[in-house]
């Protein structure tokens, strides 16, 4: 995935089981702006969910959001949205269906567009189901922002024609701007062993009057039931409910627990992610600490040493200790709150041209398309040439403050101004191109623009959730 733009890469992985093995289908999006979307779709399989997984099989590249339907006659059907760069009449041109042959490892037989969506447009995210002789097609429409919706249709024949649900959209918050769960859409159905039905779907929780979702697209669940007319209905829908009755009690203990990552052993904790390359040895090593090898800039689409975890709370503290000996201003490492190459805040340990170490803050604040890099400190903060430096940041709602301490100092000191953390959101990230949706990350980074692979070591990473009066958990 080297070279993939921000918010591209793997989209909408769909996992299913046919009674014998697991099937995972997904898209590796190479481009999403302008008229073109380059969207190769793949299938991998495994007998056990833990793996080993097969090598990927390329299926098609006609669109994204694929899923695989296992019919009761043994056939398998591949569906994906169809992209039309000519926009005749729409860029999101409908839902395409074709049979998949497991023995041949490819699509076979005729292909057909079975559903064109409604006037809401942007039909995507198809899932097929079968019940009581009906084929049900669940799709998303309206885009992934505030017009998002789940559309349901059905047919007696898998090839169609498909009739729309009486409500048309079985789930949406597009007409309810005050609902707690916004951007509701892109759903999937789940039937539990006790016969209950649920709809899982994407959603967003805006935290400011500017309706910015720093936590990105989150997963929500709704109770549903099948009516006597053989249509699925969401309880109290189509507006999503914030509170849903579940079979077991909810335990938030782990969610609110402080997490101290000491980077023991040789594996990176599963909470962390890195970008664009499976060759992690060129990026980091875990060995009684995390060692980042300085690569390209933090905004590179090819090789950047950025290891981060998701921001999962509206307010939190993060802290680390870094040991880094840069030789000049082209080597820097530190702590970052990151959305994309145009949206980040980055507290770094670096050096001036004479090798004197200093602290420098780099920021890029919703700067698409220019990508303006700012240096908000009036002057860099000089620090000793050797020794560890403790770096921290605190987010309280939309406010972000960096902090630091030298090796012998017990308390962290504020450094730099208070930033608007809400720009690390889908809405501001979306200014670069339609459809950004990852949410904010916080983590560690290292760059060596001299290409010498300068190493920065981090002893630990602390993530501490904070409950703050500005947060919106229960409104």
Protein backbone atom coordinates (compact mmCIF):
# COMPACT_ATOMS: atom_id res chain seq x y z
CA UNK A 1 0.00 0.00 0.00
CA UNK A 2 3.01 2.30 -0.36
CA UNK A 3 1.88 5.49 -2.03
CA UNK A 4 -1.75 5.21 -0.95
CA UNK A 5 -3.18 8.65 -0.09
CA UNK A 6 -4.65 9.47 3.31
CA UNK A 7 -7.89 7.62 4.12
CA UNK A 8 -7.25 5.16 1.29
CA UNK A 9 -5.93 1.63 1.70
CA UNK A 10 -8.19 -1.13 3.04
CA UNK A 11 -11.87 -0.18 2.97
CA UNK A 12 -14.87 -2.02 4.39
CA UNK A 13 -13.49 -5.51 5.06
CA UNK A 14 -16.38 -8.00 5.09
CA UNK A 15 -15.98 -11.28 7.01
CA UNK A 16 -18.29 -14.27 6.50
CA UNK A 17 -18.35 -18.04 7.12
CA UNK A 18 -19.89 -20.63 4.80
CA UNK A 19 -19.89 -23.52 7.28
CA UNK A 20 -16.40 -24.65 6.30
CA UNK A 21 -14.09 -21.64 6.35
CA UNK A 22 -13.87 -17.91 6.78
CA UNK A 23 -13.97 -15.57 3.80
CA UNK A 24 -12.65 -12.02 4.01
CA UNK A 25 -13.22 -9.59 1.14
CA UNK A 26 -11.89 -6.04 1.00
CA UNK A 27 -10.76 -3.17 -1.22
CA UNK A 28 -7.30 -1.60 -1.36
CA UNK A 29 -8.20 1.92 -2.49
CA UNK A 30 -5.39 3.60 -4.42
CA UNK A 31 -7.14 6.87 -5.19
CA UNK A 32 -10.39 8.45 -4.06
CA UNK A 33 -10.35 12.08 -5.18
CA UNK A 34 -11.46 13.55 -8.48
CA UNK A 35 -13.34 11.48 -11.04
CA UNK A 36 -11.34 8.29 -10.62
CA UNK A 37 -11.19 5.72 -7.87
CA UNK A 38 -8.65 2.93 -8.28
CA UNK A 39 -10.16 0.07 -6.31
CA UNK A 40 -8.75 -3.47 -6.57
CA UNK A 41 -10.88 -5.97 -4.61
CA UNK A 42 -9.47 -9.10 -2.99
CA UNK A 43 -10.52 -12.31 -1.21
CA UNK A 44 -8.56 -14.22 1.44
CA UNK A 45 -9.68 -17.36 3.31
CA UNK A 46 -8.83 -19.29 6.48
CA UNK A 47 -10.15 -22.35 8.26
CA UNK A 48 -9.56 -20.68 11.64
CA UNK A 49 -10.13 -17.04 12.41
CA UNK A 50 -6.59 -16.86 13.85
CA UNK A 51 -5.19 -17.99 10.49
CA UNK A 52 -3.12 -18.85 8.65
CA UNK A 53 -4.80 -16.84 5.90
CA UNK A 54 -4.39 -17.56 2.21
CA UNK A 55 -2.63 -15.26 -0.20
CA UNK A 56 -5.03 -12.64 -1.58
CA UNK A 57 -6.87 -13.33 -4.83
CA UNK A 58 -7.62 -10.29 -6.97
CA UNK A 59 -11.31 -10.36 -7.93
CA UNK A 60 -12.10 -7.14 -9.80
CA UNK A 61 -11.49 -3.40 -9.69
CA UNK A 62 -14.85 -2.01 -10.78
CA UNK A 63 -15.74 -0.41 -7.46
CA UNK A 64 -15.38 -0.78 -3.70
CA UNK A 65 -17.17 -2.13 -0.61
CA UNK A 66 -17.41 -5.74 -1.81
CA UNK A 67 -19.15 -8.54 0.07
CA UNK A 68 -19.61 -12.25 -0.56
CA UNK A 69 -23.02 -13.94 -0.22
CA UNK A 70 -23.21 -17.70 0.35
CA UNK A 71 -26.54 -18.89 -1.08
CA UNK A 72 -28.33 -21.96 0.29
CA UNK A 73 -27.83 -23.79 -3.03
CA UNK A 74 -24.03 -23.63 -2.60
CA UNK A 75 -23.40 -20.75 -4.99
CA UNK A 76 -21.40 -17.72 -3.97
CA UNK A 77 -22.18 -14.23 -5.19
CA UNK A 78 -19.88 -11.22 -5.23
CA UNK A 79 -21.38 -7.74 -4.97
CA UNK A 80 -19.73 -4.33 -4.97
CA UNK A 81 -20.65 -0.77 -5.79
CA UNK A 82 -19.86 0.24 -9.38
CA UNK A 83 -17.77 3.34 -10.05
CA UNK A 84 -18.40 5.29 -13.28
CA UNK A 85 -15.82 8.02 -13.90
CA UNK A 86 -18.01 9.43 -16.71
CA UNK A 87 -20.87 10.09 -14.27
CA UNK A 88 -23.46 8.67 -16.68
CA UNK A 89 -25.64 9.38 -14.89
CA UNK A 90 -23.83 9.01 -11.53
CA UNK A 91 -20.31 8.32 -10.29
CA UNK A 92 -21.78 5.78 -7.86
CA UNK A 93 -23.46 3.88 -10.66
CA UNK A 94 -25.17 1.06 -8.75
CA UNK A 95 -24.62 -2.34 -7.17
CA UNK A 96 -22.96 -4.93 -9.42
CA UNK A 97 -23.59 -8.70 -8.98
CA UNK A 98 -21.63 -11.66 -10.36
CA UNK A 99 -21.11 -15.29 -9.35
CA UNK A 100 -17.81 -16.28 -7.75
CA UNK A 101 -16.33 -19.73 -8.39
CA UNK A 102 -14.21 -21.00 -5.45
CA UNK A 103 -12.67 -23.75 -7.59
CA UNK A 104 -11.64 -21.33 -10.34
CA UNK A 105 -10.79 -18.55 -7.90
CA UNK A 106 -12.49 -15.92 -10.04
CA UNK A 107 -15.79 -14.38 -11.08
CA UNK A 108 -17.76 -16.36 -13.64
CA UNK A 109 -20.89 -15.91 -15.71
CA UNK A 110 -22.86 -12.77 -16.46
CA UNK A 111 -22.65 -9.56 -14.47
CA UNK A 112 -25.51 -7.16 -13.84
CA UNK A 113 -26.24 -3.94 -12.01
CA UNK A 114 -29.09 -5.05 -9.73
CA UNK A 115 -29.79 -1.81 -7.83
CA UNK A 116 -29.29 1.85 -8.65
CA UNK A 117 -30.16 3.36 -5.29
CA UNK A 118 -32.53 6.21 -4.55
CA UNK A 119 -32.49 9.95 -5.08
CA UNK A 120 -30.21 10.20 -2.03
CA UNK A 121 -27.40 8.96 -4.34
CA UNK A 122 -23.95 7.53 -3.55
CA UNK A 123 -25.15 3.94 -3.23
CA UNK A 124 -22.46 1.67 -1.76
CA UNK A 125 -21.76 -0.96 0.95
CA UNK A 126 -23.94 -3.80 -0.42
CA UNK A 127 -24.80 -6.88 1.65
CA UNK A 128 -27.06 -9.72 0.50
CA UNK A 129 -29.18 -11.94 2.77
CA UNK A 130 -31.84 -14.58 2.23
CA UNK A 131 -34.93 -15.14 4.38
CA UNK A 132 -38.29 -16.78 3.70
CA UNK A 133 -37.58 -16.97 -0.02
CA UNK A 134 -36.65 -13.28 -0.27
CA UNK A 135 -33.25 -11.90 -1.23
CA UNK A 136 -32.58 -8.75 0.80
CA UNK A 137 -30.10 -6.11 -0.33
CA UNK A 138 -28.86 -3.71 2.33
CA UNK A 139 -26.89 -0.71 1.06
CA UNK A 140 -25.63 2.65 2.26
CA UNK A 141 -26.46 5.95 0.58
CA UNK A 142 -25.83 9.65 1.02
CA UNK A 143 -22.07 9.44 1.57
CA UNK A 144 -20.34 8.86 4.88
CA UNK A 145 -21.10 12.30 6.33
CA UNK A 146 -24.35 13.79 7.63
CA UNK A 147 -26.62 12.47 4.85
CA UNK A 148 -25.63 8.85 5.52
CA UNK A 149 -28.39 6.21 5.51
CA UNK A 150 -29.11 2.48 5.35
CA UNK A 151 -31.41 1.51 2.46
CA UNK A 152 -33.13 -1.89 2.30
CA UNK A 153 -34.62 -3.57 -0.79
CA UNK A 154 -35.74 -7.11 -1.63
CA UNK A 155 -36.51 -9.46 -4.50
CA UNK A 156 -37.64 -13.04 -5.06
CA UNK A 157 -34.82 -13.40 -7.61
CA UNK A 158 -31.21 -12.57 -6.79
CA UNK A 159 -30.96 -10.78 -10.15
CA UNK A 160 -33.88 -8.51 -9.25
CA UNK A 161 -35.89 -6.42 -9.70
CA UNK A 162 -35.60 -5.14 -6.12
CA UNK A 163 -38.41 -3.29 -4.37
CA UNK A 164 -37.70 -0.66 -1.72
CA UNK A 165 -38.57 -0.94 1.95
CA UNK A 166 -41.77 0.93 2.94
CA UNK A 167 -39.59 3.34 4.96
CA UNK A 168 -36.98 3.42 2.19
CA UNK A 169 -34.23 4.20 4.72
CA UNK A 170 -34.38 1.85 7.68
CA UNK A 171 -31.73 3.85 9.55
CA UNK A 172 -30.56 7.44 9.19
CA UNK A 173 -29.97 10.56 11.27
CA UNK A 174 -29.97 12.90 8.26
CA UNK A 175 -33.30 14.42 9.27
CA UNK A 176 -32.48 14.55 13.00
CA UNK A 177 -29.62 17.04 13.49
CA UNK A 178 -29.99 16.95 17.29
CA UNK A 179 -29.70 13.16 17.57
CA UNK A 180 -26.70 11.99 19.60
CA UNK A 181 -25.63 9.53 16.91
CA UNK A 182 -25.02 11.31 13.60
CA UNK A 183 -23.76 10.08 10.21
CA UNK A 184 -25.61 6.77 10.71
CA UNK A 185 -25.34 4.35 7.79
CA UNK A 186 -23.35 1.51 6.20
CA UNK A 187 -24.91 -1.32 8.17
CA UNK A 188 -24.88 -5.10 8.44
CA UNK A 189 -27.35 -7.55 10.00
CA UNK A 190 -26.66 -9.95 12.86
CA UNK A 191 -28.97 -12.71 14.12
CA UNK A 192 -28.16 -14.02 17.60
CA UNK A 193 -28.58 -17.67 18.69
CA UNK A 194 -31.68 -16.73 20.70
CA UNK A 195 -33.43 -15.47 17.57
CA UNK A 196 -32.96 -11.72 18.01
CA UNK A 197 -31.91 -9.41 15.20
CA UNK A 198 -29.56 -6.45 15.37
CA UNK A 199 -28.26 -3.88 12.90
CA UNK A 200 -24.64 -2.79 13.33
CA UNK A 201 -23.74 0.43 11.57
CA UNK A 202 -21.30 3.29 11.28
CA UNK A 203 -21.95 6.50 13.14
CA UNK A 204 -20.24 9.64 14.41
CA UNK A 205 -20.51 11.73 17.57
CA UNK A 206 -19.81 15.41 16.86
CA UNK A 207 -18.32 17.24 19.82
CA UNK A 208 -18.61 20.89 18.80
CA UNK A 209 -21.09 23.27 17.21
CA UNK A 210 -18.99 22.87 14.08
CA UNK A 211 -20.11 19.20 14.11
CA UNK A 212 -16.64 17.71 14.13
CA UNK A 213 -16.13 14.01 14.89
CA UNK A 214 -12.64 13.57 16.35
CA UNK A 215 -13.31 9.89 17.11
CA UNK A 216 -14.02 9.27 13.43
CA UNK A 217 -16.56 6.72 12.30
CA UNK A 218 -17.56 4.53 15.22
CA UNK A 219 -19.56 1.30 15.30
CA UNK A 220 -23.03 1.34 16.84
CA UNK A 221 -25.70 -1.33 17.27
CA UNK A 222 -29.51 -1.15 17.07
CA UNK A 223 -32.24 -3.59 18.00
CA UNK A 224 -34.34 -4.71 15.04
CA UNK A 225 -37.20 -7.08 14.31
CA UNK A 226 -38.86 -8.73 11.34
CA UNK A 227 -42.44 -7.62 10.73
CA UNK A 228 -45.34 -9.72 9.52
CA UNK A 229 -44.74 -8.20 6.08
CA UNK A 230 -41.26 -9.82 5.98
CA UNK A 231 -39.51 -6.46 6.25
CA UNK A 232 -36.85 -5.60 8.83
CA UNK A 233 -37.56 -2.64 11.12
CA UNK A 234 -35.15 -0.91 13.49
CA UNK A 235 -36.59 -0.38 16.96
CA UNK A 236 -37.66 3.26 17.33
CA UNK A 237 -36.11 3.84 13.90
CA UNK A 238 -35.14 5.14 11.52
CA UNK A 239 -33.32 7.50 13.91
CA UNK A 240 -30.59 5.55 15.75
CA UNK A 241 -30.94 5.08 19.50
CA UNK A 242 -28.09 5.91 21.86
CA UNK A 243 -29.20 3.31 24.43
CA UNK A 244 -29.87 -0.26 23.31
CA UNK A 245 -30.88 -3.24 25.45
CA UNK A 246 -28.31 -6.01 25.11
CA UNK A 247 -28.27 -9.61 26.38
CA UNK A 248 -25.47 -8.94 28.88
CA UNK A 249 -24.59 -6.04 31.14
CA UNK A 250 -22.14 -3.51 29.79
CA UNK A 251 -18.84 -3.17 31.64
CA UNK A 252 -16.95 0.07 30.96
CA UNK A 253 -14.08 -0.69 33.34
CA UNK A 254 -11.61 -1.53 30.59
CA UNK A 255 -12.73 1.43 28.47
CA UNK A 256 -11.87 3.93 31.20
CA UNK A 257 -8.71 2.19 32.41
CA UNK A 258 -5.32 3.84 32.04
CA UNK A 259 -3.12 1.95 29.58
CA UNK A 260 0.63 1.82 30.07
CA UNK A 261 2.47 0.28 27.13
CA UNK A 262 5.97 -0.74 28.23
CA UNK A 263 6.89 -2.39 24.90
CA UNK A 264 8.07 -5.65 26.44
CA UNK A 265 8.79 -8.69 24.29
CA UNK A 266 9.17 -8.34 20.53
CA UNK A 267 5.62 -7.62 19.33
CA UNK A 268 3.97 -4.23 19.01
CA UNK A 269 0.80 -4.02 21.17
CA UNK A 270 -2.30 -4.68 19.09
CA UNK A 271 -3.70 -1.20 19.86
CA UNK A 272 -1.01 0.39 17.69
CA UNK A 273 -0.95 0.79 13.94
CA UNK A 274 1.50 1.99 11.31
CA UNK A 275 0.98 3.05 7.74
CA UNK A 276 1.40 1.67 4.24
CA UNK A 277 4.04 -1.05 4.56
CA UNK A 278 4.04 -4.63 5.89
CA UNK A 279 7.83 -4.41 6.21
CA UNK A 280 7.78 -3.23 9.81
CA UNK A 281 11.49 -3.96 10.34
CA UNK A 282 12.31 -0.83 8.38
CA UNK A 283 10.06 1.23 10.63
CA UNK A 284 10.35 -0.06 14.18
CA UNK A 285 11.67 -2.74 16.53
CA UNK A 286 10.26 -3.78 19.91
CA UNK A 287 12.90 -4.95 22.39
CA UNK A 288 12.41 -3.70 25.97
CA UNK A 289 11.29 -0.44 24.43
CA UNK A 290 10.15 0.84 21.06
CA UNK A 291 12.86 1.81 18.59
CA UNK A 292 11.77 3.90 15.61
CA UNK A 293 14.06 4.19 12.62
CA UNK A 294 13.83 7.68 11.20
CA UNK A 295 12.53 7.61 7.65
CA UNK A 296 10.66 10.16 5.54
CA UNK A 297 8.57 13.06 6.80
CA UNK A 298 5.52 12.46 8.96
CA UNK A 299 3.31 13.24 5.97
CA UNK A 300 4.95 10.85 3.50
CA UNK A 301 2.74 8.47 1.53
CA UNK A 302 5.59 5.98 1.16
CA UNK A 303 7.74 5.32 4.23
CA UNK A 304 7.07 7.14 7.47
CA UNK A 305 8.07 5.95 10.95
CA UNK A 306 4.78 6.70 12.69
CA UNK A 307 3.38 4.26 15.26
CA UNK A 308 0.12 5.39 16.85
CA UNK A 309 -3.09 4.27 18.52
CA UNK A 310 -6.58 5.65 18.06
CA UNK A 311 -7.95 8.44 20.18
CA UNK A 312 -10.89 6.62 21.78
CA UNK A 313 -12.02 9.27 24.28
CA UNK A 314 -13.00 12.90 23.85
CA UNK A 315 -10.48 13.86 26.56
CA UNK A 316 -7.24 12.11 27.48
CA UNK A 317 -3.60 12.46 28.51
CA UNK A 318 -0.68 10.88 26.66
CA UNK A 319 2.94 10.64 27.75
CA UNK A 320 6.23 9.06 26.69
CA UNK A 321 9.96 9.27 27.27
CA UNK A 322 12.22 9.61 24.24
CA UNK A 323 15.97 9.21 23.91
CA UNK A 324 17.22 10.75 20.67
CA UNK A 325 20.50 12.35 19.60
CA UNK A 326 19.90 14.30 16.38
CA UNK A 327 22.84 15.86 14.58
CA UNK A 328 20.91 18.61 12.80
CA UNK A 329 17.48 20.05 12.05
CA UNK A 330 16.66 17.32 9.53
CA UNK A 331 16.37 14.69 12.26
CA UNK A 332 13.46 14.88 14.69
CA UNK A 333 11.36 12.52 16.80
CA UNK A 334 8.64 12.81 19.39
CA UNK A 335 4.95 12.75 20.27
CA UNK A 336 2.17 13.53 17.82
CA UNK A 337 -1.59 13.98 17.69
CA UNK A 338 -2.25 13.00 14.09
CA UNK A 339 -5.09 12.86 11.59
CA UNK A 340 -3.38 13.06 8.20
CA UNK A 341 -0.56 14.83 6.39
CA UNK A 342 -2.53 18.10 6.47
CA UNK A 343 -3.80 17.82 10.05
CA UNK A 344 -1.40 17.13 12.91
CA UNK A 345 0.40 18.54 15.95
CA UNK A 346 3.92 17.24 16.62
CA UNK A 347 6.21 17.95 19.60
CA UNK A 348 9.74 16.96 18.57
CA UNK A 349 13.25 16.59 19.89
CA UNK A 350 15.54 17.95 17.17
CA UNK A 351 18.74 19.99 16.82
CA UNK A 352 19.91 23.18 15.22
CA UNK A 353 22.55 23.30 12.49
CA UNK A 354 25.30 23.18 15.15
CA UNK A 355 23.91 20.04 16.76
CA UNK A 356 22.44 21.76 19.83
CA UNK A 357 19.37 19.77 20.87
CA UNK A 358 16.08 21.64 21.15
CA UNK A 359 12.35 21.14 21.38
CA UNK A 360 10.32 22.25 18.37
CA UNK A 361 6.61 22.02 17.67
CA UNK A 362 5.44 21.37 14.11
CA UNK A 363 1.78 21.84 13.23
CA UNK A 364 -0.38 21.57 10.16
CA UNK A 365 -3.88 22.80 10.90
CA UNK A 366 -6.48 21.93 8.25
CA UNK A 367 -4.00 23.21 5.67
CA UNK A 368 -5.22 21.42 2.53
CA UNK A 369 -4.32 21.93 -0.27
CA UNK A 370 -1.19 23.98 0.45
CA UNK A 371 0.02 21.83 3.33
CA UNK A 372 1.37 24.79 5.31
CA UNK A 373 3.76 23.75 8.09
CA UNK A 374 3.77 26.06 11.10
CA UNK A 375 6.25 26.54 13.94
CA UNK A 376 4.18 28.02 16.78
CA UNK A 377 7.00 28.46 19.30
CA UNK A 378 8.46 31.97 19.31
CA UNK A 379 11.82 30.22 19.48
CA UNK A 380 12.86 26.59 20.00
CA UNK A 381 13.47 25.47 23.59
CA UNK A 382 17.13 24.43 24.04
CA UNK A 383 17.72 21.21 25.99
CA UNK A 384 20.90 19.32 27.04
CA UNK A 385 22.77 17.51 24.28
CA UNK A 386 22.22 14.15 25.95
CA UNK A 387 19.58 12.54 28.12
CA UNK A 388 15.99 11.42 28.02
CA UNK A 389 13.12 13.86 27.55
CA UNK A 390 9.60 13.27 28.81
CA UNK A 391 6.92 14.45 26.39
CA UNK A 392 3.21 14.73 27.07
CA UNK A 393 -0.01 16.13 25.73
CA UNK A 394 -3.43 16.73 27.24
CA UNK A 395 -6.68 16.92 25.30
CA UNK A 396 -9.76 18.33 26.99
CA UNK A 397 -12.55 18.39 24.47
CA UNK A 398 -11.35 20.68 21.71
CA UNK A 399 -8.27 21.97 23.58
CA UNK A 400 -4.82 20.40 23.22
CA UNK A 401 -1.75 21.34 25.24
CA UNK A 402 1.77 19.91 24.85
CA UNK A 403 4.04 19.38 27.89
CA UNK A 404 7.62 18.31 28.54
CA UNK A 405 10.11 17.61 31.31
CA UNK A 406 13.84 16.98 31.35
CA UNK A 407 15.26 13.85 32.93
CA UNK A 408 15.62 15.29 36.42
CA UNK A 409 12.33 17.22 36.50
CA UNK A 410 9.37 15.58 38.31
CA UNK A 411 6.60 17.68 36.74
CA UNK A 412 5.66 18.31 33.13
CA UNK A 413 5.80 21.91 31.92
CA UNK A 414 3.47 23.46 29.35
CA UNK A 415 5.07 24.23 26.02
CA UNK A 416 3.50 26.14 23.16
CA UNK A 417 -0.04 27.47 22.81
CA UNK A 418 -3.35 25.70 23.37
CA UNK A 419 -4.43 24.20 20.05
CA UNK A 420 -7.83 23.46 18.56
CA UNK A 421 -7.87 19.66 18.76
CA UNK A 422 -11.19 19.48 16.90
CA UNK A 423 -9.37 19.97 13.58
CA UNK A 424 -8.12 16.39 14.01
CA UNK A 425 -11.49 15.25 12.75
CA UNK A 426 -13.18 13.71 9.75
CA UNK A 427 -14.79 17.01 8.89
CA UNK A 428 -11.48 18.92 8.74
CA UNK A 429 -9.58 15.98 7.31
CA UNK A 430 -12.29 15.81 4.67
CA UNK A 431 -11.22 19.19 3.31
CA UNK A 432 -8.38 17.42 1.51
CA UNK A 433 -10.76 15.22 -0.49
CA UNK A 434 -14.25 13.81 -0.16
CA UNK A 435 -14.68 11.05 2.37
CA UNK A 436 -12.00 11.15 5.05
CA UNK A 437 -13.06 9.10 8.03
CA UNK A 438 -10.24 7.66 10.13
CA UNK A 439 -10.60 9.77 13.27
CA UNK A 440 -7.67 11.09 15.32
CA UNK A 441 -4.61 9.14 16.44
CA UNK A 442 -1.98 9.79 19.07
CA UNK A 443 1.46 8.23 18.97
CA UNK A 444 5.18 8.33 18.32
CA UNK A 445 7.13 9.32 15.23
CA UNK A 446 10.67 9.75 13.95
CA UNK A 447 12.00 11.35 10.78
CA UNK A 448 15.47 11.44 9.29
CA UNK A 449 15.44 13.61 6.19
CA UNK A 450 19.15 12.87 5.76
CA UNK A 451 18.18 9.24 5.04
CA UNK A 452 20.70 7.82 7.52
CA UNK A 453 18.12 5.92 9.57
CA UNK A 454 18.66 7.74 12.87
CA UNK A 455 17.02 5.76 15.68
CA UNK A 456 14.80 7.17 18.43
CA UNK A 457 14.00 5.01 21.46
CA UNK A 458 10.82 5.25 23.51
CA UNK A 459 10.68 3.50 26.89
CA UNK A 460 6.89 3.54 27.25
CA UNK A 461 3.68 5.13 26.07
CA UNK A 462 0.89 6.11 28.46
CA UNK A 463 -2.72 6.72 27.43
CA UNK A 464 -4.99 7.95 30.24
CA UNK A 465 -8.72 8.52 29.55
CA UNK A 466 -10.18 11.59 31.26
CA UNK A 467 -13.82 12.45 31.94
CA UNK A 468 -14.33 16.14 31.27
CA UNK A 469 -17.32 18.47 31.40
CA UNK A 470 -17.04 19.21 27.67
CA UNK A 471 -17.39 15.55 26.64
CA UNK A 472 -20.53 14.15 24.98
CA UNK A 473 -21.04 10.58 26.09
CA UNK A 474 -24.68 10.62 27.17
CA UNK A 475 -26.46 13.46 25.37
